[in-house]
N, C-alpha and C. Protein backbone atom coordinates (compact mmCIF):
# COMPACT_ATOMS: atom_id res chain seq x y z
N MET A 1 22.90 -62.35 82.42
CA MET A 1 22.16 -61.09 83.00
C MET A 1 21.96 -60.99 84.13
N ARG A 2 22.28 -60.25 84.94
CA ARG A 2 22.24 -60.50 86.12
C ARG A 2 21.05 -59.99 86.86
N SER A 3 20.55 -61.06 87.56
CA SER A 3 18.85 -61.05 87.81
C SER A 3 18.69 -61.46 89.34
N ASP A 4 19.78 -62.02 90.25
CA ASP A 4 19.55 -62.49 91.28
C ASP A 4 18.73 -61.61 92.02
N ILE A 5 17.93 -61.95 93.26
CA ILE A 5 17.13 -61.21 94.29
C ILE A 5 17.68 -60.03 94.73
N GLN A 6 19.21 -60.18 94.96
CA GLN A 6 19.83 -58.87 95.93
C GLN A 6 20.05 -57.76 94.78
N PHE A 7 20.41 -58.36 93.35
CA PHE A 7 20.74 -57.39 92.68
C PHE A 7 19.33 -56.36 92.12
N LYS A 8 18.56 -57.45 92.04
CA LYS A 8 16.67 -56.49 91.95
C LYS A 8 16.51 -55.70 92.80
N LEU A 9 16.68 -55.79 93.96
CA LEU A 9 16.33 -55.13 95.63
C LEU A 9 17.46 -53.95 95.40
N LEU A 10 18.69 -54.13 94.95
CA LEU A 10 19.72 -52.93 95.29
C LEU A 10 19.24 -52.06 93.92
N VAL A 11 18.92 -52.39 92.63
CA VAL A 11 18.36 -51.41 91.99
C VAL A 11 17.13 -50.71 92.19
N VAL A 12 16.25 -51.64 92.64
CA VAL A 12 14.88 -51.03 93.38
C VAL A 12 15.09 -49.69 94.26
N GLU A 13 15.67 -50.16 95.05
CA GLU A 13 16.18 -49.16 96.41
C GLU A 13 16.87 -47.95 95.57
N ASP A 14 17.41 -48.15 95.04
CA ASP A 14 18.20 -47.04 94.24
C ASP A 14 17.64 -46.50 93.57
N TYR A 15 16.11 -46.75 92.85
CA TYR A 15 15.60 -45.81 91.98
C TYR A 15 14.92 -45.07 93.25
N LEU A 16 13.95 -46.28 94.20
CA LEU A 16 13.25 -45.52 95.18
C LEU A 16 13.56 -44.34 96.02
N THR A 17 14.81 -44.26 96.43
CA THR A 17 15.66 -43.58 97.24
C THR A 17 15.98 -42.22 96.53
N GLY A 18 16.35 -42.46 95.53
CA GLY A 18 17.08 -41.45 94.52
C GLY A 18 16.26 -40.37 93.99
N GLN A 19 16.29 -39.44 93.30
CA GLN A 19 15.36 -38.60 92.33
C GLN A 19 15.61 -38.82 90.83
N GLN A 20 16.39 -39.84 90.64
CA GLN A 20 16.48 -39.84 89.40
C GLN A 20 15.66 -40.98 88.78
N GLY A 21 15.27 -40.75 87.15
CA GLY A 21 14.39 -41.28 86.53
C GLY A 21 15.03 -42.68 86.11
N TYR A 22 14.16 -44.02 85.69
CA TYR A 22 14.46 -45.14 85.06
C TYR A 22 15.44 -45.15 84.25
N LYS A 23 15.80 -44.15 83.66
CA LYS A 23 16.87 -44.36 82.64
C LYS A 23 18.21 -44.24 83.01
N ILE A 24 18.55 -42.86 84.22
CA ILE A 24 19.63 -42.92 84.97
C ILE A 24 19.96 -43.80 85.86
N VAL A 25 19.02 -44.76 86.13
CA VAL A 25 19.09 -45.38 87.54
C VAL A 25 19.54 -46.71 86.32
N ALA A 26 18.90 -47.01 85.35
CA ALA A 26 19.31 -47.83 84.12
C ALA A 26 20.97 -48.13 83.78
N SER A 27 21.14 -46.68 83.91
CA SER A 27 22.69 -46.65 83.12
C SER A 27 23.61 -47.09 84.44
N ARG A 28 23.28 -46.65 85.30
CA ARG A 28 23.97 -46.67 86.45
C ARG A 28 24.61 -48.24 86.56
N HIS A 29 23.24 -48.99 86.44
CA HIS A 29 23.25 -50.34 86.80
C HIS A 29 23.86 -51.37 85.70
N ASP A 30 23.99 -50.90 84.56
CA ASP A 30 23.97 -51.08 83.07
C ASP A 30 23.19 -52.12 83.00
N ILE A 31 21.55 -51.82 82.78
CA ILE A 31 20.63 -52.68 82.16
C ILE A 31 19.50 -51.91 81.76
N ARG A 32 18.43 -52.57 80.86
CA ARG A 32 17.67 -51.54 79.95
C ARG A 32 16.81 -50.88 81.37
N TRP A 33 16.12 -49.38 80.71
CA TRP A 33 15.55 -49.13 81.56
C TRP A 33 13.95 -49.67 81.96
N GLU A 34 13.67 -50.43 80.83
CA GLU A 34 12.43 -51.41 81.19
C GLU A 34 12.40 -51.95 81.88
N THR A 35 13.91 -52.99 82.40
CA THR A 35 13.83 -53.53 83.20
C THR A 35 13.55 -53.12 84.76
N VAL A 36 14.46 -51.80 84.97
CA VAL A 36 14.02 -51.17 86.27
C VAL A 36 12.54 -50.89 86.22
N ARG A 37 11.86 -50.39 85.40
CA ARG A 37 10.48 -50.23 85.76
C ARG A 37 9.54 -51.44 86.01
N LYS A 38 10.12 -52.60 85.54
CA LYS A 38 9.46 -53.61 85.79
C LYS A 38 9.46 -54.22 87.08
N TRP A 39 10.91 -54.07 87.47
CA TRP A 39 11.41 -54.55 88.52
C TRP A 39 10.53 -53.80 89.94
N VAL A 40 10.47 -52.27 89.52
CA VAL A 40 9.82 -51.08 90.61
C VAL A 40 8.15 -51.93 90.41
N ARG A 41 7.69 -51.94 89.69
CA ARG A 41 6.39 -52.05 89.64
C ARG A 41 6.05 -53.56 90.36
N ALA A 42 6.95 -54.51 89.88
CA ALA A 42 6.65 -55.58 90.84
C ALA A 42 7.05 -56.01 92.37
N TYR A 43 8.08 -54.51 92.61
CA TYR A 43 8.17 -54.69 93.90
C TYR A 43 6.95 -53.86 94.60
N HIS A 44 6.40 -52.94 94.40
CA HIS A 44 5.31 -52.12 94.62
C HIS A 44 4.20 -52.95 94.51
N ALA A 45 3.91 -53.98 93.63
CA ALA A 45 2.73 -54.83 93.83
C ALA A 45 2.95 -55.87 95.16
N ARG A 46 4.04 -56.23 95.11
CA ARG A 46 4.34 -57.62 96.12
C ARG A 46 5.30 -57.81 96.98
N GLY A 47 6.05 -56.38 96.77
CA GLY A 47 7.26 -56.63 97.66
C GLY A 47 8.47 -57.08 97.30
N LYS A 48 9.05 -57.50 98.59
CA LYS A 48 10.15 -58.36 97.82
C LYS A 48 10.06 -59.64 97.04
N ALA A 49 8.84 -60.35 97.29
CA ALA A 49 8.56 -61.78 96.89
C ALA A 49 8.31 -61.19 95.63
N GLY A 50 7.80 -60.04 95.08
CA GLY A 50 7.66 -59.72 93.56
C GLY A 50 8.55 -59.79 92.82
N LEU A 51 9.77 -60.19 93.44
CA LEU A 51 11.28 -59.75 92.67
C LEU A 51 11.86 -61.18 92.90
N GLN A 52 11.41 -62.29 93.17
CA GLN A 52 11.25 -63.58 92.84
C GLN A 52 11.21 -64.18 91.54
N ARG A 53 11.88 -65.12 91.16
CA ARG A 53 11.35 -66.12 90.23
C ARG A 53 9.97 -66.28 90.13
N LYS A 54 9.00 -66.35 89.35
CA LYS A 54 7.88 -66.97 89.29
C LYS A 54 7.75 -68.71 89.02
N TYR A 55 9.04 -69.23 88.60
CA TYR A 55 8.93 -70.58 88.32
C TYR A 55 10.65 -71.16 88.63
N GLU A 56 10.56 -72.08 88.96
CA GLU A 56 11.95 -72.63 88.85
C GLU A 56 11.98 -73.65 87.82
N ARG A 57 13.65 -74.09 87.51
CA ARG A 57 13.81 -74.87 86.51
C ARG A 57 13.81 -76.21 87.06
N TYR A 58 13.39 -77.37 86.24
CA TYR A 58 13.48 -78.77 87.01
C TYR A 58 14.53 -79.47 86.60
N SER A 59 15.50 -80.04 87.25
CA SER A 59 16.46 -80.40 86.83
C SER A 59 16.59 -81.85 86.21
N ALA A 60 17.43 -82.14 85.15
CA ALA A 60 17.44 -83.17 83.94
C ALA A 60 16.99 -84.26 84.77
N ALA A 61 17.61 -84.64 86.15
CA ALA A 61 17.05 -85.98 86.75
C ALA A 61 15.88 -85.98 87.17
N PHE A 62 15.18 -84.83 87.51
CA PHE A 62 13.75 -84.78 88.11
C PHE A 62 12.77 -85.12 86.96
N ARG A 63 13.39 -84.40 85.46
CA ARG A 63 12.47 -84.39 84.63
C ARG A 63 12.45 -86.21 84.01
N GLN A 64 13.75 -86.53 84.01
CA GLN A 64 14.08 -87.90 83.67
C GLN A 64 13.29 -88.75 84.54
N SER A 65 13.12 -88.78 85.88
CA SER A 65 12.35 -89.77 86.49
C SER A 65 10.35 -89.41 86.50
N VAL A 66 10.20 -88.26 85.82
CA VAL A 66 8.75 -88.21 85.78
C VAL A 66 8.43 -88.83 84.29
N VAL A 67 9.27 -88.84 83.35
CA VAL A 67 9.12 -89.82 82.21
C VAL A 67 9.39 -91.03 82.19
N GLN A 68 9.93 -91.32 83.26
CA GLN A 68 9.90 -93.08 83.13
C GLN A 68 8.76 -93.26 84.28
N ARG A 69 8.21 -92.48 85.13
CA ARG A 69 7.24 -92.77 85.84
C ARG A 69 5.71 -92.89 84.83
N MET A 70 5.86 -91.94 83.82
CA MET A 70 4.88 -91.95 82.48
C MET A 70 4.84 -93.22 82.08
N CYS A 71 5.88 -93.53 81.79
CA CYS A 71 6.16 -94.75 80.90
C CYS A 71 5.24 -96.18 81.25
């Protein structure tokens, strides 16, 4: 699924600048309308920062180093 910040911002701006609803914008970008609604709400609440991931995945090397330190 496409979910990088630039794509999210493009979809949100498309919704905010147009007169179309969630479903039309979603079909134009080939995503679910619920996703458009979620991104628009996040953008209204926190701006561009609301579209960023809330967490990052740790690399396998980092996870392994943590386990080694714990043992």
